[in-house]
């Protein structure tokens, strides 16, 4: 299977409407990040390494293999203030592991800019007509999902754009 998705394309995905906040921290839902990654590389996999203890705290690791490349992210088990938690419990370790997954996915480009404190990626502006053409040219449900992700959030709220997406979705569902 040939992967045509590039880091630059993944980095340009606008995740601003998917960013969640906890206190003054911003993060991307691991489930959304994984779903988006799998839409671009269905063969993507990930694994968690054994946590490493630093005194009373733990560091977790996650490696994501996608686009013929493995990227590994590490993350301490932290509280909502970004401070390492002494003697974390299983739930706290699990939360850190899922955040490490999102971070490792970001290393492939999806949402990486939020770790830099930026609000929006460099998304080339497209017109409503270009967005509609992108949706109308999709030949499968997967292509439709990929097209939708490339459309800026402001156009994803436009009734006409939504109508084209819904019509394409209906056609693909009937064909299945």
N, C-alpha and C. Protein backbone atom coordinates (compact mmCIF):
# COMPACT_ATOMS: atom_id res chain seq x y z
N UNK A 1 0.84 -1.19 0.00
CA UNK A 1 0.00 0.00 0.00
C UNK A 1 0.88 1.25 0.00
N UNK A 2 0.66 2.13 -0.93
CA UNK A 2 1.47 3.33 -1.04
C UNK A 2 0.82 4.45 -0.25
N UNK A 3 1.57 5.06 0.66
CA UNK A 3 1.06 6.18 1.44
C UNK A 3 1.41 7.48 0.73
N UNK A 4 0.40 8.27 0.43
CA UNK A 4 0.63 9.53 -0.24
C UNK A 4 0.50 10.70 0.72
N UNK A 5 0.07 10.45 1.94
CA UNK A 5 -0.08 11.51 2.92
C UNK A 5 1.30 11.92 3.40
N UNK A 6 1.51 13.22 3.49
CA UNK A 6 2.80 13.71 3.93
C UNK A 6 2.67 14.39 5.30
N UNK A 7 3.79 14.55 5.96
CA UNK A 7 3.82 15.24 7.24
C UNK A 7 3.21 16.63 7.09
N UNK A 8 3.55 17.32 6.00
CA UNK A 8 3.04 18.68 5.78
C UNK A 8 1.51 18.67 5.69
N UNK A 9 0.93 17.67 5.04
CA UNK A 9 -0.53 17.57 4.95
C UNK A 9 -1.14 17.31 6.32
N UNK A 10 -0.53 16.40 7.08
CA UNK A 10 -1.05 16.07 8.41
C UNK A 10 -0.93 17.27 9.34
N UNK A 11 0.16 18.01 9.22
CA UNK A 11 0.37 19.17 10.07
C UNK A 11 -0.65 20.27 9.78
N UNK A 12 -1.18 20.30 8.56
CA UNK A 12 -2.11 21.35 8.19
C UNK A 12 -3.55 21.04 8.61
N UNK A 13 -3.80 19.88 9.20
CA UNK A 13 -5.15 19.56 9.66
C UNK A 13 -5.50 20.48 10.83
N UNK A 14 -6.60 21.16 10.71
CA UNK A 14 -7.04 22.08 11.76
C UNK A 14 -7.72 21.28 12.87
N UNK A 15 -7.09 21.20 14.01
CA UNK A 15 -7.65 20.46 15.14
C UNK A 15 -8.24 21.40 16.19
N UNK A 16 -8.34 22.68 15.87
CA UNK A 16 -8.74 23.67 16.88
C UNK A 16 -10.11 23.36 17.50
N UNK A 17 -11.03 22.80 16.72
CA UNK A 17 -12.33 22.48 17.29
C UNK A 17 -12.33 21.14 18.03
N UNK A 18 -11.19 20.48 18.08
CA UNK A 18 -11.03 19.21 18.79
C UNK A 18 -10.17 19.33 20.04
N UNK A 19 -9.64 20.52 20.28
CA UNK A 19 -8.78 20.74 21.45
C UNK A 19 -9.65 20.78 22.70
N UNK A 20 -9.23 20.04 23.71
CA UNK A 20 -9.91 20.05 24.99
C UNK A 20 -9.03 20.77 25.99
N UNK A 21 -9.66 21.39 26.97
CA UNK A 21 -8.92 22.16 27.97
C UNK A 21 -9.15 21.55 29.35
N UNK A 22 -8.09 21.51 30.12
CA UNK A 22 -8.18 21.14 31.53
C UNK A 22 -7.29 22.13 32.25
N UNK A 23 -7.92 23.01 33.02
CA UNK A 23 -7.16 24.10 33.63
C UNK A 23 -6.64 24.99 32.53
N UNK A 24 -5.33 25.27 32.55
CA UNK A 24 -4.75 26.09 31.49
C UNK A 24 -4.01 25.25 30.44
N UNK A 25 -4.25 23.93 30.46
CA UNK A 25 -3.59 23.03 29.52
C UNK A 25 -4.52 22.68 28.37
N UNK A 26 -3.96 22.58 27.18
CA UNK A 26 -4.71 22.16 26.00
C UNK A 26 -4.22 20.78 25.59
N UNK A 27 -5.16 19.94 25.18
CA UNK A 27 -4.76 18.63 24.69
C UNK A 27 -5.77 18.14 23.68
N UNK A 28 -5.34 17.14 22.92
CA UNK A 28 -6.15 16.55 21.87
C UNK A 28 -6.64 15.19 22.35
N UNK A 29 -7.89 14.90 22.16
CA UNK A 29 -8.45 13.61 22.53
C UNK A 29 -7.66 12.49 21.83
N UNK A 30 -7.21 11.52 22.60
CA UNK A 30 -6.45 10.42 22.01
C UNK A 30 -7.31 9.65 21.01
N UNK A 31 -8.61 9.50 21.29
CA UNK A 31 -9.49 8.75 20.40
C UNK A 31 -9.64 9.46 19.06
N UNK A 32 -9.80 10.78 19.10
CA UNK A 32 -9.92 11.53 17.85
C UNK A 32 -8.61 11.47 17.08
N UNK A 33 -7.49 11.64 17.78
CA UNK A 33 -6.18 11.60 17.13
C UNK A 33 -5.95 10.24 16.47
N UNK A 34 -6.28 9.16 17.18
CA UNK A 34 -6.10 7.81 16.63
C UNK A 34 -7.00 7.61 15.41
N UNK A 35 -8.25 8.05 15.50
CA UNK A 35 -9.17 7.92 14.38
C UNK A 35 -8.65 8.68 13.16
N UNK A 36 -8.19 9.88 13.37
CA UNK A 36 -7.67 10.69 12.26
C UNK A 36 -6.44 10.04 11.65
N UNK A 37 -5.55 9.55 12.49
CA UNK A 37 -4.36 8.85 12.00
C UNK A 37 -4.76 7.65 11.15
N UNK A 38 -5.68 6.84 11.65
CA UNK A 38 -6.10 5.64 10.93
C UNK A 38 -6.83 5.95 9.62
N UNK A 39 -7.44 7.12 9.54
CA UNK A 39 -8.06 7.52 8.27
C UNK A 39 -7.00 7.78 7.21
N UNK A 40 -5.81 8.16 7.63
CA UNK A 40 -4.73 8.45 6.70
C UNK A 40 -3.77 7.29 6.50
N UNK A 41 -3.69 6.40 7.47
CA UNK A 41 -2.85 5.20 7.36
C UNK A 41 -3.52 4.07 8.13
N UNK A 42 -4.27 3.24 7.42
CA UNK A 42 -5.02 2.16 8.07
C UNK A 42 -4.12 1.10 8.68
N UNK A 43 -2.84 1.11 8.34
CA UNK A 43 -1.92 0.12 8.88
C UNK A 43 -1.20 0.63 10.13
N UNK A 44 -1.52 1.82 10.58
CA UNK A 44 -0.85 2.41 11.75
C UNK A 44 -1.07 1.53 12.99
N UNK A 45 -0.03 1.42 13.80
CA UNK A 45 -0.10 0.66 15.06
C UNK A 45 0.63 1.45 16.14
N UNK A 46 0.39 1.07 17.39
CA UNK A 46 1.10 1.69 18.50
C UNK A 46 1.29 0.67 19.61
N UNK A 47 2.29 0.98 20.43
CA UNK A 47 2.54 0.13 21.59
C UNK A 47 3.11 0.99 22.71
N UNK A 48 2.83 0.53 23.92
CA UNK A 48 3.31 1.22 25.10
C UNK A 48 4.51 0.47 25.65
N UNK A 49 5.53 1.19 26.03
CA UNK A 49 6.71 0.59 26.65
C UNK A 49 6.48 0.51 28.16
N UNK A 50 7.34 -0.20 28.82
CA UNK A 50 7.27 -0.32 30.28
C UNK A 50 7.55 1.06 30.90
N UNK A 51 6.67 1.53 31.81
CA UNK A 51 6.95 2.82 32.47
C UNK A 51 8.28 2.79 33.21
N UNK A 52 8.91 3.93 33.32
CA UNK A 52 10.19 4.05 34.02
C UNK A 52 9.98 4.90 35.26
N UNK A 53 10.49 4.42 36.38
CA UNK A 53 10.35 5.12 37.65
C UNK A 53 11.48 6.12 37.83
N UNK A 54 11.11 7.32 38.26
CA UNK A 54 12.05 8.38 38.64
C UNK A 54 11.69 8.77 40.06
N UNK A 55 12.39 8.22 41.03
CA UNK A 55 12.04 8.44 42.43
C UNK A 55 10.65 7.88 42.67
N UNK A 56 9.71 8.72 43.09
CA UNK A 56 8.34 8.28 43.35
C UNK A 56 7.43 8.47 42.13
N UNK A 57 7.97 9.02 41.03
CA UNK A 57 7.14 9.32 39.86
C UNK A 57 7.41 8.34 38.72
N UNK A 58 6.52 8.35 37.73
CA UNK A 58 6.65 7.46 36.58
C UNK A 58 6.66 8.24 35.28
N UNK A 59 7.42 7.72 34.30
CA UNK A 59 7.41 8.24 32.94
C UNK A 59 6.86 7.11 32.07
N UNK A 60 5.87 7.44 31.21
CA UNK A 60 5.30 6.45 30.30
C UNK A 60 5.79 6.75 28.88
N UNK A 61 5.76 5.72 28.02
CA UNK A 61 6.26 5.83 26.66
C UNK A 61 5.27 5.19 25.70
N UNK A 62 5.09 5.80 24.55
CA UNK A 62 4.24 5.22 23.51
C UNK A 62 4.93 5.41 22.17
N UNK A 63 4.99 4.34 21.39
CA UNK A 63 5.56 4.40 20.04
C UNK A 63 4.44 4.17 19.03
N UNK A 64 4.35 5.05 18.05
CA UNK A 64 3.36 4.94 16.98
C UNK A 64 4.09 4.70 15.68
N UNK A 65 3.71 3.61 15.01
CA UNK A 65 4.28 3.31 13.70
C UNK A 65 3.23 3.64 12.64
N UNK A 66 3.54 4.61 11.79
CA UNK A 66 2.64 5.02 10.71
C UNK A 66 3.48 5.60 9.58
N UNK A 67 3.01 5.45 8.37
CA UNK A 67 3.70 6.01 7.21
C UNK A 67 5.14 5.51 7.14
N UNK A 68 5.32 4.22 7.48
CA UNK A 68 6.64 3.57 7.42
C UNK A 68 7.67 4.19 8.36
N UNK A 69 7.19 4.78 9.46
CA UNK A 69 8.09 5.44 10.39
C UNK A 69 7.55 5.28 11.82
N UNK A 70 8.45 5.07 12.79
CA UNK A 70 8.05 4.96 14.18
C UNK A 70 8.49 6.21 14.93
N UNK A 71 7.54 6.78 15.68
CA UNK A 71 7.83 7.96 16.50
C UNK A 71 7.45 7.60 17.94
N UNK A 72 8.31 7.93 18.89
CA UNK A 72 8.07 7.61 20.29
C UNK A 72 7.96 8.89 21.10
N UNK A 73 6.94 8.92 21.95
CA UNK A 73 6.75 10.06 22.85
C UNK A 73 6.80 9.56 24.28
N UNK A 74 7.31 10.38 25.16
CA UNK A 74 7.34 10.07 26.58
C UNK A 74 6.57 11.15 27.32
N UNK A 75 6.05 10.79 28.47
CA UNK A 75 5.27 11.74 29.24
C UNK A 75 5.27 11.31 30.70
N UNK A 76 5.55 12.22 31.62
CA UNK A 76 5.42 11.86 33.03
C UNK A 76 3.95 11.74 33.39
N UNK A 77 3.64 10.94 34.38
CA UNK A 77 2.27 10.89 34.90
C UNK A 77 2.09 12.17 35.70
N UNK A 78 1.18 13.05 35.19
CA UNK A 78 1.07 14.40 35.74
C UNK A 78 -0.34 14.72 36.23
N UNK A 79 -0.42 15.74 37.05
CA UNK A 79 -1.72 16.27 37.47
C UNK A 79 -2.13 17.39 36.51
N UNK A 80 -3.22 18.05 36.79
CA UNK A 80 -3.72 19.11 35.91
C UNK A 80 -2.86 20.38 35.89
N UNK A 81 -1.85 20.44 36.76
CA UNK A 81 -0.93 21.59 36.79
C UNK A 81 0.39 21.27 36.09
N UNK A 82 0.44 20.11 35.42
CA UNK A 82 1.66 19.67 34.74
C UNK A 82 2.77 19.28 35.71
N UNK A 83 2.40 18.86 36.90
CA UNK A 83 3.38 18.42 37.90
C UNK A 83 3.32 16.90 38.02
N UNK A 84 4.49 16.26 38.09
CA UNK A 84 4.54 14.80 38.22
C UNK A 84 3.86 14.36 39.51
N UNK A 85 3.09 13.28 39.42
CA UNK A 85 2.33 12.76 40.57
C UNK A 85 3.17 11.70 41.28
N UNK A 86 3.43 11.86 42.59
CA UNK A 86 4.14 10.82 43.33
C UNK A 86 3.25 9.58 43.47
N UNK A 87 3.82 8.42 43.25
CA UNK A 87 3.12 7.14 43.41
C UNK A 87 1.74 7.13 42.72
N UNK A 88 1.72 7.33 41.41
CA UNK A 88 0.43 7.38 40.71
C UNK A 88 -0.29 6.04 40.75
N UNK A 89 -1.64 6.12 40.71
CA UNK A 89 -2.43 4.88 40.68
C UNK A 89 -2.64 4.46 39.22
N UNK A 90 -3.30 3.32 39.02
CA UNK A 90 -3.50 2.76 37.68
C UNK A 90 -4.26 3.72 36.76
N UNK A 91 -5.27 4.40 37.29
CA UNK A 91 -6.04 5.33 36.47
C UNK A 91 -5.16 6.47 35.97
N UNK A 92 -4.35 7.04 36.86
CA UNK A 92 -3.47 8.15 36.49
C UNK A 92 -2.44 7.70 35.45
N UNK A 93 -1.94 6.47 35.58
CA UNK A 93 -0.99 5.93 34.60
C UNK A 93 -1.70 5.76 33.26
N UNK A 94 -2.92 5.23 33.25
CA UNK A 94 -3.67 5.04 32.02
C UNK A 94 -3.90 6.38 31.31
N UNK A 95 -4.28 7.41 32.05
CA UNK A 95 -4.49 8.73 31.45
C UNK A 95 -3.20 9.22 30.78
N UNK A 96 -2.08 9.06 31.47
CA UNK A 96 -0.80 9.49 30.91
C UNK A 96 -0.45 8.68 29.66
N UNK A 97 -0.77 7.39 29.66
CA UNK A 97 -0.48 6.56 28.48
C UNK A 97 -1.28 7.04 27.27
N UNK A 98 -2.55 7.38 27.48
CA UNK A 98 -3.38 7.85 26.36
C UNK A 98 -2.90 9.22 25.89
N UNK A 99 -2.45 10.06 26.81
CA UNK A 99 -1.89 11.36 26.41
C UNK A 99 -0.59 11.17 25.64
N UNK A 100 0.20 10.17 26.03
CA UNK A 100 1.44 9.87 25.30
C UNK A 100 1.12 9.36 23.89
N UNK A 101 0.03 8.60 23.76
CA UNK A 101 -0.41 8.16 22.44
C UNK A 101 -0.73 9.37 21.56
N UNK A 102 -1.51 10.30 22.08
CA UNK A 102 -1.86 11.50 21.31
C UNK A 102 -0.60 12.29 20.94
N UNK A 103 0.34 12.34 21.86
CA UNK A 103 1.59 13.06 21.62
C UNK A 103 2.42 12.36 20.54
N UNK A 104 2.48 11.03 20.57
CA UNK A 104 3.23 10.28 19.56
C UNK A 104 2.57 10.42 18.19
N UNK A 105 1.24 10.45 18.16
CA UNK A 105 0.52 10.70 16.90
C UNK A 105 0.86 12.10 16.39
N UNK A 106 0.92 13.06 17.31
CA UNK A 106 1.26 14.44 16.93
C UNK A 106 2.65 14.51 16.29
N UNK A 107 3.56 13.65 16.70
CA UNK A 107 4.89 13.65 16.10
C UNK A 107 4.84 13.30 14.61
N UNK A 108 3.75 12.67 14.18
CA UNK A 108 3.55 12.40 12.75
C UNK A 108 2.90 13.60 12.06
N UNK A 109 2.48 14.62 12.83
CA UNK A 109 1.95 15.85 12.26
C UNK A 109 0.59 16.27 12.76
N UNK A 110 -0.24 15.34 13.18
CA UNK A 110 -1.63 15.66 13.54
C UNK A 110 -1.67 16.37 14.90
N UNK A 111 -1.93 17.67 14.87
CA UNK A 111 -2.05 18.44 16.11
C UNK A 111 -0.74 18.80 16.78
N UNK A 112 0.37 18.61 16.10
CA UNK A 112 1.67 18.90 16.72
C UNK A 112 1.76 20.35 17.18
N UNK A 113 1.14 21.24 16.44
CA UNK A 113 1.25 22.66 16.76
C UNK A 113 0.69 23.02 18.14
N UNK A 114 -0.21 22.23 18.70
CA UNK A 114 -0.75 22.59 20.02
C UNK A 114 0.31 22.42 21.11
N UNK A 115 1.32 21.58 20.86
CA UNK A 115 2.40 21.42 21.84
C UNK A 115 3.36 22.61 21.79
N UNK A 116 3.25 23.40 20.75
CA UNK A 116 4.08 24.59 20.60
C UNK A 116 3.34 25.82 21.09
N UNK A 117 2.11 25.62 21.57
CA UNK A 117 1.34 26.74 22.08
C UNK A 117 0.63 27.53 21.01
N UNK A 118 0.68 27.05 19.77
CA UNK A 118 -0.01 27.75 18.69
C UNK A 118 -1.49 27.43 18.75
N UNK A 119 -2.31 28.31 18.22
CA UNK A 119 -3.75 28.07 18.19
C UNK A 119 -4.19 27.38 16.92
N UNK A 120 -3.58 27.72 15.80
CA UNK A 120 -4.02 27.18 14.52
C UNK A 120 -2.83 26.79 13.66
N UNK A 121 -2.97 25.73 12.86
CA UNK A 121 -1.89 25.38 11.95
C UNK A 121 -1.91 26.30 10.74
N UNK A 122 -0.88 26.17 9.92
CA UNK A 122 -0.85 26.93 8.68
C UNK A 122 -1.72 26.19 7.68
N UNK A 123 -2.98 26.59 7.58
CA UNK A 123 -3.92 25.95 6.68
C UNK A 123 -4.11 26.84 5.47
N UNK A 124 -3.86 26.27 4.29
CA UNK A 124 -4.10 27.10 3.12
C UNK A 124 -5.59 27.42 3.03
N UNK A 125 -5.89 28.68 2.81
CA UNK A 125 -7.29 29.08 2.70
C UNK A 125 -7.89 28.49 1.43
N UNK A 126 -9.07 27.93 1.57
CA UNK A 126 -9.78 27.45 0.39
C UNK A 126 -11.17 28.09 0.41
N UNK A 127 -11.68 28.28 -0.77
CA UNK A 127 -13.00 28.90 -0.89
C UNK A 127 -14.08 27.86 -0.64
N UNK A 128 -15.30 28.34 -0.48
CA UNK A 128 -16.43 27.44 -0.31
C UNK A 128 -16.56 26.54 -1.54
N UNK A 129 -16.36 27.11 -2.71
CA UNK A 129 -16.44 26.33 -3.95
C UNK A 129 -15.40 25.22 -3.97
N UNK A 130 -14.17 25.54 -3.55
CA UNK A 130 -13.11 24.53 -3.50
C UNK A 130 -13.45 23.44 -2.48
N UNK A 131 -14.03 23.82 -1.35
CA UNK A 131 -14.43 22.84 -0.33
C UNK A 131 -15.50 21.90 -0.90
N UNK A 132 -16.48 22.46 -1.60
CA UNK A 132 -17.55 21.65 -2.19
C UNK A 132 -16.97 20.72 -3.26
N UNK A 133 -16.06 21.23 -4.08
CA UNK A 133 -15.43 20.39 -5.10
C UNK A 133 -14.64 19.25 -4.46
N UNK A 134 -13.97 19.54 -3.37
CA UNK A 134 -13.22 18.52 -2.65
C UNK A 134 -14.15 17.40 -2.17
N UNK A 135 -15.29 17.79 -1.61
CA UNK A 135 -16.28 16.80 -1.14
C UNK A 135 -16.90 16.03 -2.31
N UNK A 136 -17.24 16.74 -3.36
CA UNK A 136 -17.89 16.11 -4.51
C UNK A 136 -16.97 15.16 -5.27
N UNK A 137 -15.65 15.38 -5.16
CA UNK A 137 -14.71 14.52 -5.88
C UNK A 137 -14.37 13.24 -5.11
N UNK A 138 -14.82 13.13 -3.86
CA UNK A 138 -14.55 11.91 -3.07
C UNK A 138 -15.23 10.72 -3.73
N UNK A 139 -14.51 9.60 -3.79
CA UNK A 139 -15.04 8.39 -4.43
C UNK A 139 -15.35 7.28 -3.44
N UNK A 140 -15.17 7.55 -2.15
CA UNK A 140 -15.46 6.56 -1.11
C UNK A 140 -15.68 7.29 0.21
N UNK A 141 -16.18 6.56 1.18
CA UNK A 141 -16.37 7.12 2.52
C UNK A 141 -15.05 7.59 3.10
N UNK A 142 -13.99 6.79 2.91
CA UNK A 142 -12.67 7.17 3.43
C UNK A 142 -12.17 8.46 2.78
N UNK A 143 -12.35 8.59 1.46
CA UNK A 143 -11.93 9.82 0.78
C UNK A 143 -12.76 11.00 1.25
N UNK A 144 -14.03 10.77 1.53
CA UNK A 144 -14.89 11.84 2.04
C UNK A 144 -14.40 12.31 3.41
N UNK A 145 -14.04 11.36 4.29
CA UNK A 145 -13.51 11.73 5.60
C UNK A 145 -12.22 12.53 5.47
N UNK A 146 -11.34 12.09 4.58
CA UNK A 146 -10.08 12.81 4.37
C UNK A 146 -10.33 14.21 3.82
N UNK A 147 -11.30 14.33 2.92
CA UNK A 147 -11.64 15.64 2.36
C UNK A 147 -12.18 16.56 3.45
N UNK A 148 -13.05 16.03 4.30
CA UNK A 148 -13.68 16.83 5.36
C UNK A 148 -12.63 17.40 6.31
N UNK A 149 -11.64 16.61 6.63
CA UNK A 149 -10.59 17.05 7.55
C UNK A 149 -9.79 18.21 6.96
N UNK A 150 -9.68 18.27 5.64
CA UNK A 150 -8.90 19.33 4.99
C UNK A 150 -9.66 20.65 4.89
N UNK A 151 -10.95 20.63 5.21
CA UNK A 151 -11.77 21.84 5.08
C UNK A 151 -11.69 22.63 6.39
N UNK A 152 -11.40 23.92 6.30
CA UNK A 152 -11.30 24.74 7.52
C UNK A 152 -12.58 24.68 8.36
N UNK A 153 -12.42 24.79 9.66
CA UNK A 153 -13.55 24.69 10.59
C UNK A 153 -14.66 25.68 10.26
N UNK A 154 -14.31 26.87 9.81
CA UNK A 154 -15.33 27.86 9.48
C UNK A 154 -16.24 27.38 8.35
N UNK A 155 -15.67 26.68 7.37
CA UNK A 155 -16.49 26.17 6.26
C UNK A 155 -17.23 24.89 6.64
N UNK A 156 -16.73 24.18 7.66
CA UNK A 156 -17.42 22.96 8.11
C UNK A 156 -18.76 23.29 8.76
N UNK A 157 -18.98 24.56 9.06
CA UNK A 157 -20.25 24.99 9.67
C UNK A 157 -21.21 25.58 8.64
N UNK A 158 -20.75 25.71 7.40
CA UNK A 158 -21.56 26.30 6.34
C UNK A 158 -22.61 25.29 5.87
N UNK A 159 -23.86 25.71 5.81
CA UNK A 159 -24.98 24.83 5.47
C UNK A 159 -24.81 24.17 4.10
N UNK A 160 -24.34 24.92 3.12
CA UNK A 160 -24.18 24.36 1.78
C UNK A 160 -23.08 23.30 1.74
N UNK A 161 -21.98 23.56 2.43
CA UNK A 161 -20.88 22.60 2.50
C UNK A 161 -21.35 21.33 3.21
N UNK A 162 -22.06 21.50 4.31
CA UNK A 162 -22.60 20.36 5.06
C UNK A 162 -23.55 19.55 4.18
N UNK A 163 -24.36 20.23 3.40
CA UNK A 163 -25.31 19.54 2.52
C UNK A 163 -24.57 18.67 1.50
N UNK A 164 -23.47 19.15 0.96
CA UNK A 164 -22.68 18.35 0.00
C UNK A 164 -22.07 17.14 0.69
N UNK A 165 -21.56 17.35 1.90
CA UNK A 165 -20.99 16.23 2.64
C UNK A 165 -22.07 15.18 2.93
N UNK A 166 -23.22 15.62 3.39
CA UNK A 166 -24.31 14.69 3.72
C UNK A 166 -24.81 13.94 2.50
N UNK A 167 -24.87 14.62 1.36
CA UNK A 167 -25.31 13.97 0.12
C UNK A 167 -24.31 12.91 -0.31
N UNK A 168 -23.03 13.23 -0.25
CA UNK A 168 -22.00 12.24 -0.60
C UNK A 168 -22.07 11.04 0.35
N UNK A 169 -22.26 11.32 1.62
CA UNK A 169 -22.37 10.25 2.62
C UNK A 169 -23.56 9.34 2.30
N UNK A 170 -24.69 9.96 1.94
CA UNK A 170 -25.89 9.19 1.61
C UNK A 170 -25.63 8.28 0.40
N UNK A 171 -24.98 8.81 -0.61
CA UNK A 171 -24.67 8.04 -1.82
C UNK A 171 -23.77 6.85 -1.49
N UNK A 172 -22.73 7.09 -0.69
CA UNK A 172 -21.81 6.01 -0.33
C UNK A 172 -22.51 4.95 0.52
N UNK A 173 -23.38 5.39 1.43
CA UNK A 173 -24.12 4.44 2.27
C UNK A 173 -25.05 3.57 1.44
N UNK A 174 -25.71 4.16 0.44
CA UNK A 174 -26.59 3.39 -0.43
C UNK A 174 -25.82 2.39 -1.28
N UNK A 175 -24.60 2.75 -1.66
CA UNK A 175 -23.79 1.87 -2.51
C UNK A 175 -23.27 0.66 -1.74
N UNK A 176 -23.17 0.79 -0.41
CA UNK A 176 -22.63 -0.30 0.41
C UNK A 176 -23.65 -1.33 0.63
